[in-house]
Protein backbone atom coordinates (compact mmCIF):
# COMPACT_ATOMS: atom_id res chain seq x y z
CA UNK A 1 0.12 -0.06 -0.10
CA UNK A 2 1.38 3.50 -0.62
CA UNK A 3 1.20 6.51 1.73
CA UNK A 4 2.31 9.78 2.17
CA UNK A 5 5.38 9.93 4.64
CA UNK A 6 7.98 12.40 3.05
CA UNK A 7 7.35 15.97 4.90
CA UNK A 8 9.38 18.96 4.95
CA UNK A 9 10.08 21.01 8.05
CA UNK A 10 9.23 24.46 7.52
CA UNK A 11 5.72 25.68 8.17
CA UNK A 12 4.60 24.64 4.58
CA UNK A 13 3.42 21.35 3.95
CA UNK A 14 4.23 18.86 1.02
CA UNK A 15 4.88 15.33 0.72
CA UNK A 16 6.04 12.52 -1.71
CA UNK A 17 4.53 9.05 -1.95
CA UNK A 18 6.84 6.20 -0.48
CA UNK A 19 6.12 2.55 -0.84
CA UNK A 20 5.29 1.43 2.89
CA UNK A 21 5.93 -2.27 2.26
CA UNK A 22 9.74 -1.44 1.33
CA UNK A 23 10.04 0.37 4.94
CA UNK A 24 12.26 -1.87 7.10
CA UNK A 25 12.30 -2.29 10.98
CA UNK A 26 14.93 -1.37 13.25
CA UNK A 27 15.70 -5.00 14.15
CA UNK A 28 16.98 -5.46 10.63
CA UNK A 29 20.15 -3.47 11.04
CA UNK A 30 22.10 -5.78 13.51
CA UNK A 31 23.77 -4.80 16.84
CA UNK A 32 24.47 -1.27 15.82
CA UNK A 33 20.88 0.01 16.35
CA UNK A 34 20.59 -2.58 19.45
CA UNK A 35 23.80 -0.93 21.03
CA UNK A 36 22.16 2.60 20.56
CA UNK A 37 19.18 1.66 22.09
CA UNK A 38 20.88 0.62 25.24
CA UNK A 39 22.61 3.88 25.26
CA UNK A 40 19.19 5.52 24.94
CA UNK A 41 17.53 3.94 27.73
CA UNK A 42 20.83 4.50 29.84
CA UNK A 43 20.79 8.12 29.22
CA UNK A 44 16.75 8.36 29.77
CA UNK A 45 17.23 6.91 33.34
CA UNK A 46 20.09 9.20 33.97
CA UNK A 47 18.73 12.35 32.66
CA UNK A 48 15.87 12.97 34.84
CA UNK A 49 17.26 16.11 36.16
CA UNK A 50 17.26 17.61 32.65
CA UNK A 51 13.52 17.56 32.59
CA UNK A 52 10.92 20.24 34.10
CA UNK A 53 7.46 19.58 35.32
CA UNK A 54 5.47 19.47 32.09
CA UNK A 55 2.23 20.06 34.02
CA UNK A 56 3.19 23.80 34.45
CA UNK A 57 2.16 24.11 30.81
CA UNK A 58 -1.06 22.43 30.70
CA UNK A 59 -2.67 22.10 27.33
CA UNK A 60 0.89 21.72 25.56
CA UNK A 61 2.14 19.42 28.22
CA UNK A 62 0.62 15.98 27.06
CA UNK A 63 1.80 16.61 23.44
CA UNK A 64 5.51 17.33 24.72
CA UNK A 65 5.34 13.67 26.12
CA UNK A 66 3.98 12.24 22.88
CA UNK A 67 6.64 13.75 20.64
CA UNK A 68 9.58 13.78 22.94
CA UNK A 69 9.74 17.60 23.38
CA UNK A 70 11.03 19.03 26.66
CA UNK A 71 12.12 22.05 28.08
CA UNK A 72 15.73 21.96 29.63
CA UNK A 73 16.86 23.42 33.01
CA UNK A 74 19.94 24.27 31.03
CA UNK A 75 19.25 27.25 29.42
CA UNK A 76 22.56 27.51 27.18
CA UNK A 77 20.94 25.98 24.04
CA UNK A 78 18.73 28.85 23.70
CA UNK A 79 21.09 31.46 22.88
CA UNK A 80 22.41 29.83 19.78
CA UNK A 81 19.11 29.70 17.77
CA UNK A 82 17.08 32.32 16.34
CA UNK A 83 13.68 32.67 14.67
CA UNK A 84 13.84 33.18 11.02
CA UNK A 85 10.52 35.14 9.79
CA UNK A 86 8.71 37.02 6.95
CA UNK A 87 9.57 40.55 6.95
CA UNK A 88 6.26 41.73 8.42
CA UNK A 89 3.63 39.65 10.46
CA UNK A 90 0.46 39.29 9.60
CA UNK A 91 -1.68 39.47 12.61
CA UNK A 92 0.27 38.99 15.84
CA UNK A 93 4.15 38.93 16.63
CA UNK A 94 5.15 35.23 16.14
CA UNK A 95 2.74 34.11 13.31
CA UNK A 96 5.10 34.90 10.74
CA UNK A 97 8.00 32.40 11.86
CA UNK A 98 8.85 29.85 9.14
CA UNK A 99 12.23 28.25 10.02
CA UNK A 100 15.02 28.40 12.69
CA UNK A 101 18.63 29.35 12.26
CA UNK A 102 21.98 29.35 14.17
CA UNK A 103 24.37 32.37 14.94
CA UNK A 104 27.73 31.93 13.70
CA UNK A 105 28.72 35.48 13.59
CA UNK A 106 27.66 38.80 14.61
CA UNK A 107 25.70 39.36 11.39
CA UNK A 108 25.58 35.75 10.21
CA UNK A 109 23.06 33.16 10.55
CA UNK A 110 23.18 29.44 9.01
CA UNK A 111 19.81 27.91 8.27
CA UNK A 112 18.41 25.90 5.18
CA UNK A 113 18.26 26.90 2.02
CA UNK A 114 14.83 25.82 1.51
CA UNK A 115 13.34 28.41 3.84
CA UNK A 116 13.93 31.27 1.41
CA UNK A 117 12.74 29.92 -1.83
CA UNK A 118 9.20 31.77 -2.11
CA UNK A 119 10.08 35.01 -0.73
CA UNK A 120 12.85 37.59 -0.72
CA UNK A 121 12.00 39.90 2.32
CA UNK A 122 12.80 38.28 5.67
CA UNK A 123 13.73 39.30 9.39
CA UNK A 124 15.29 37.47 12.08
CA UNK A 125 14.20 37.51 15.80
CA UNK A 126 17.03 37.03 18.39
CA UNK A 127 17.34 36.97 22.24
CA UNK A 128 14.21 35.16 23.11
CA UNK A 129 12.93 31.64 23.42
CA UNK A 130 9.61 32.66 22.85
CA UNK A 131 7.72 32.61 19.63
CA UNK A 132 4.94 34.91 20.33
CA UNK A 133 6.07 37.07 22.99
CA UNK A 134 8.38 39.88 23.41
CA UNK A 135 10.83 41.14 26.27
CA UNK A 136 13.66 43.35 26.81
CA UNK A 137 16.09 41.05 25.05
CA UNK A 138 13.92 40.51 22.17
CA UNK A 139 15.27 42.17 18.88
CA UNK A 140 13.87 41.81 15.30
CA UNK A 141 16.80 42.39 12.84
CA UNK A 142 16.49 42.80 8.96
CA UNK A 143 18.05 40.35 6.55
CA UNK A 144 20.22 42.07 4.06
CA UNK A 145 21.53 39.17 1.84
CA UNK A 146 21.06 35.44 1.40
CA UNK A 147 24.02 33.47 0.44
CA UNK A 148 22.51 29.83 -0.38
CA UNK A 149 24.72 26.97 -1.75
CA UNK A 150 25.04 27.17 -5.50
CA UNK A 151 24.39 23.32 -5.67
CA UNK A 152 21.00 23.71 -3.70
CA UNK A 153 18.22 21.30 -5.24
CA UNK A 154 14.45 21.77 -4.54
CA UNK A 155 13.63 18.15 -5.79
CA UNK A 156 16.36 16.29 -3.60
CA UNK A 157 17.19 18.85 -0.87
CA UNK A 158 20.90 18.50 -1.87
CA UNK A 159 23.08 21.28 -0.39
CA UNK A 160 20.10 22.30 1.71
CA UNK A 161 22.39 25.32 3.41
CA UNK A 162 22.10 29.13 3.29
CA UNK A 163 24.08 31.97 4.76
CA UNK A 164 21.75 34.83 6.05
CA UNK A 165 23.41 38.29 6.32
CA UNK A 166 21.83 40.72 8.59
CA UNK A 167 22.06 44.67 8.32
CA UNK A 168 23.65 45.10 11.62
CA UNK A 169 25.18 43.20 14.59
CA UNK A 170 23.13 41.06 16.95
CA UNK A 171 25.04 42.42 20.14
CA UNK A 172 26.04 39.16 21.44
CA UNK A 173 26.47 38.71 25.06
CA UNK A 174 27.37 35.09 25.65
CA UNK A 175 23.73 35.14 27.82
CA UNK A 176 20.99 35.84 25.55
CA UNK A 177 22.66 35.16 22.36
CA UNK A 178 26.04 33.95 21.26
CA UNK A 179 28.11 32.27 18.42
CA UNK A 180 27.62 28.50 18.23
CA UNK A 181 30.93 26.67 17.48
CA UNK A 182 31.33 24.68 14.08
CA UNK A 183 32.62 21.11 13.89
CA UNK A 184 35.99 20.26 13.37
CA UNK A 185 35.34 16.75 12.43
CA UNK A 186 32.49 14.53 11.05
CA UNK A 187 29.69 13.38 12.95
CA UNK A 188 30.13 9.74 14.62
CA UNK A 189 27.24 7.08 14.67
CA UNK A 190 25.92 6.93 18.11
CA UNK A 191 26.30 10.66 19.05
CA UNK A 192 23.81 12.29 21.44
CA UNK A 193 22.76 15.45 20.04
CA UNK A 194 19.91 17.94 20.49
CA UNK A 195 17.84 19.58 18.08
CA UNK A 196 15.52 22.49 19.21
CA UNK A 197 12.82 24.80 17.75
CA UNK A 198 9.28 26.22 17.60
CA UNK A 199 7.88 23.63 15.25
CA UNK A 200 4.54 21.59 15.42
CA UNK A 201 3.87 19.43 18.43
CA UNK A 202 2.90 16.69 16.19
CA UNK A 203 2.27 16.58 12.30
CA UNK A 204 -0.41 19.35 11.38
CA UNK A 205 -0.66 20.34 14.88
CA UNK A 206 -0.11 23.69 16.63
CA UNK A 207 3.46 25.19 16.80
CA UNK A 208 4.87 25.84 20.24
CA UNK A 209 5.25 29.52 21.81
CA UNK A 210 8.22 28.75 24.03
CA UNK A 211 11.39 26.85 22.57
CA UNK A 212 11.23 23.13 22.74
CA UNK A 213 14.21 20.59 22.63
CA UNK A 214 14.55 16.91 21.85
CA UNK A 215 17.46 14.46 22.24
CA UNK A 216 18.22 12.18 19.12
CA UNK A 217 20.97 9.79 18.14
CA UNK A 218 23.20 10.08 14.89
CA UNK A 219 22.03 6.74 13.22
CA UNK A 220 24.15 4.56 11.09
CA UNK A 221 24.22 5.28 7.51
CA UNK A 222 22.51 1.96 6.12
CA UNK A 223 19.80 2.94 8.45
CA UNK A 224 19.43 6.34 6.58
CA UNK A 225 19.69 4.41 3.46
CA UNK A 226 16.69 2.65 3.91
CA UNK A 227 14.52 5.66 4.41
CA UNK A 228 15.01 7.23 0.80
CA UNK A 229 17.66 7.50 -1.73
CA UNK A 230 20.18 8.91 0.88
CA UNK A 231 22.85 11.37 -0.57
CA UNK A 232 25.99 12.28 0.95
CA UNK A 233 26.37 15.40 2.96
CA UNK A 234 23.23 14.57 4.84
CA UNK A 235 22.71 12.70 8.46
CA UNK A 236 19.59 11.17 9.79
CA UNK A 237 18.91 11.29 13.68
CA UNK A 238 16.39 9.91 15.61
CA UNK A 239 16.00 8.00 19.41
CA UNK A 240 16.40 4.18 18.61
CA UNK A 241 14.62 3.53 22.07
CA UNK A 242 11.68 6.11 21.35
CA UNK A 243 10.90 6.84 17.64
CA UNK A 244 8.22 9.21 18.51
CA UNK A 245 10.66 12.02 19.20
CA UNK A 246 11.43 13.96 16.13
CA UNK A 247 11.49 17.53 14.64
CA UNK A 248 8.62 18.61 12.83
CA UNK A 249 6.98 21.29 10.32
CA UNK A 250 8.42 24.74 11.66
CA UNK A 251 12.04 23.52 12.78
CA UNK A 252 13.82 23.54 9.26
CA UNK A 253 16.77 25.54 9.48
CA UNK A 254 17.24 25.17 13.12
CA UNK A 255 20.43 23.50 14.60
CA UNK A 256 21.20 19.58 15.47
CA UNK A 257 23.69 20.29 18.41
CA UNK A 258 26.26 17.68 19.15
CA UNK A 259 28.99 18.29 21.81
CA UNK A 260 27.97 21.88 21.78
CA UNK A 261 28.65 22.37 18.34
CA UNK A 262 26.48 22.75 15.28
CA UNK A 263 26.71 19.48 13.64
CA UNK A 264 23.29 19.41 11.69
CA UNK A 265 20.36 21.63 10.09
CA UNK A 266 17.10 20.42 9.80
CA UNK A 267 16.41 19.79 6.61
CA UNK A 268 13.39 17.30 6.12
CA UNK A 269 11.49 14.01 7.69
CA UNK A 270 8.96 11.34 6.96
CA UNK A 271 5.77 12.65 8.45
CA UNK A 272 6.76 13.68 11.99
CA UNK A 273 7.60 11.20 14.75
CA UNK A 274 6.54 8.21 12.49
CA UNK A 275 7.66 4.73 13.51
CA UNK A 276 10.98 3.47 12.08
CA UNK A 277 11.88 6.69 10.46
CA UNK A 278 14.40 9.38 11.26
CA UNK A 279 14.65 13.01 10.63
CA UNK A 280 17.09 14.16 8.16
CA UNK A 281 19.72 16.82 8.50
CA UNK A 282 22.29 18.73 6.24
CA UNK A 283 25.86 17.79 7.57
CA UNK A 284 27.26 20.97 8.39
CA UNK A 285 30.93 19.60 8.52
CA UNK A 286 30.68 18.75 4.81
CA UNK A 287 30.08 22.26 4.11
CA UNK A 288 32.67 23.60 6.41
CA UNK A 289 34.95 24.96 3.40
CA UNK A 290 32.18 26.59 1.72
CA UNK A 291 30.87 28.29 5.09
CA UNK A 292 34.26 29.58 6.14
CA UNK A 293 35.01 30.93 2.59
CA UNK A 294 31.59 32.70 2.10
CA UNK A 295 31.97 33.98 5.78
CA UNK A 296 35.01 35.49 5.46
CA UNK A 297 34.11 36.98 2.01
CA UNK A 298 30.99 38.50 3.81
CA UNK A 299 32.69 39.93 6.57
CA UNK A 300 35.15 41.84 4.29
CA UNK A 301 32.26 43.14 2.01
CA UNK A 302 30.48 44.41 4.88
CA UNK A 303 33.43 46.27 6.28
CA UNK A 304 34.02 48.10 3.15
CA UNK A 305 30.27 48.63 2.55
CA UNK A 306 30.45 46.63 -0.71
CA UNK A 307 26.92 45.07 -1.71
CA UNK A 308 26.89 41.33 -1.98
CA UNK A 309 24.94 39.77 -4.95
CA UNK A 310 21.97 37.95 -3.57
CA UNK A 311 21.67 34.44 -5.36
CA UNK A 312 18.77 33.87 -7.46
CA UNK A 313 17.66 30.15 -7.45
CA UNK A 314 15.91 30.42 -10.70
CA UNK A 315 13.37 27.85 -9.71
CA UNK A 316 9.84 27.65 -8.26
CA UNK A 317 9.32 25.30 -5.44
CA UNK A 318 6.91 22.55 -6.31
CA UNK A 319 5.11 22.18 -3.00
CA UNK A 320 3.05 19.24 -4.33
CA UNK A 321 6.25 17.32 -4.66
CA UNK A 322 8.43 18.07 -2.01
CA UNK A 323 7.77 19.68 1.67
CA UNK A 324 10.30 21.26 3.94
CA UNK A 325 10.73 21.22 7.62
């Protein structure tokens, strides 16, 4: 039987048909997944102190438990992420959120290229873990330029990575907002990572107001291969002990953080938190040379006040074929 399971992870929805009969089960992948399941169980038993009382959040609490989301006591993760938005909100502050992004420089955000296909006017909100509430630390900054990877493909989501340049510095202070470290080596299978964002609590469900995290494991490549025609420069991540933990629509462009480094960028998935699947992420290390080269060039251009040409993708997104988280 055929059913829709491929779903992008920005606020837009589109899917691709995949034969469900071809899906394998976790136990088809030998001891590597079983070992990861053991690590996941041990981590869950040892990590109770990282979780806080869901009942404080009333109507959202049950859905957090279902999707594996939580709000950690350790607030250090909040300072690395920004909310990418359309230039103007429609009705109220926060309804224009489309993607996440990670701070890699005073004026530079790293996000997913697919977030910027259908519009050219964006802003970035920094300094707040709340999507719909402003406080004294909240700043909304205009996007000056986009430099997305020249090999980005909207059908396969190859090279789903983009540098976002702001008009002004974010006034980083290492408390409310800070630069996240880039990786110096490729990710390893079994690494424990954290993804965070303001995405939907479940597929087609509501988006959260307060930033939510979920802990995931880098999965073996052969596990990722069974999901789709898995390409180089991508990684997939899930919790092999609890496959209902996942990112979802609205989380696109946000970080996958492993050992306090930006290891992945949320790209797409197969529904949200479906069994025997995993979320797919752009591998940051694979594009490290591209990031550094473009970051250096952009810094020089900004100091000299030289305008940078915005890359024109030259295509129209086929929403009915591919969806983006």
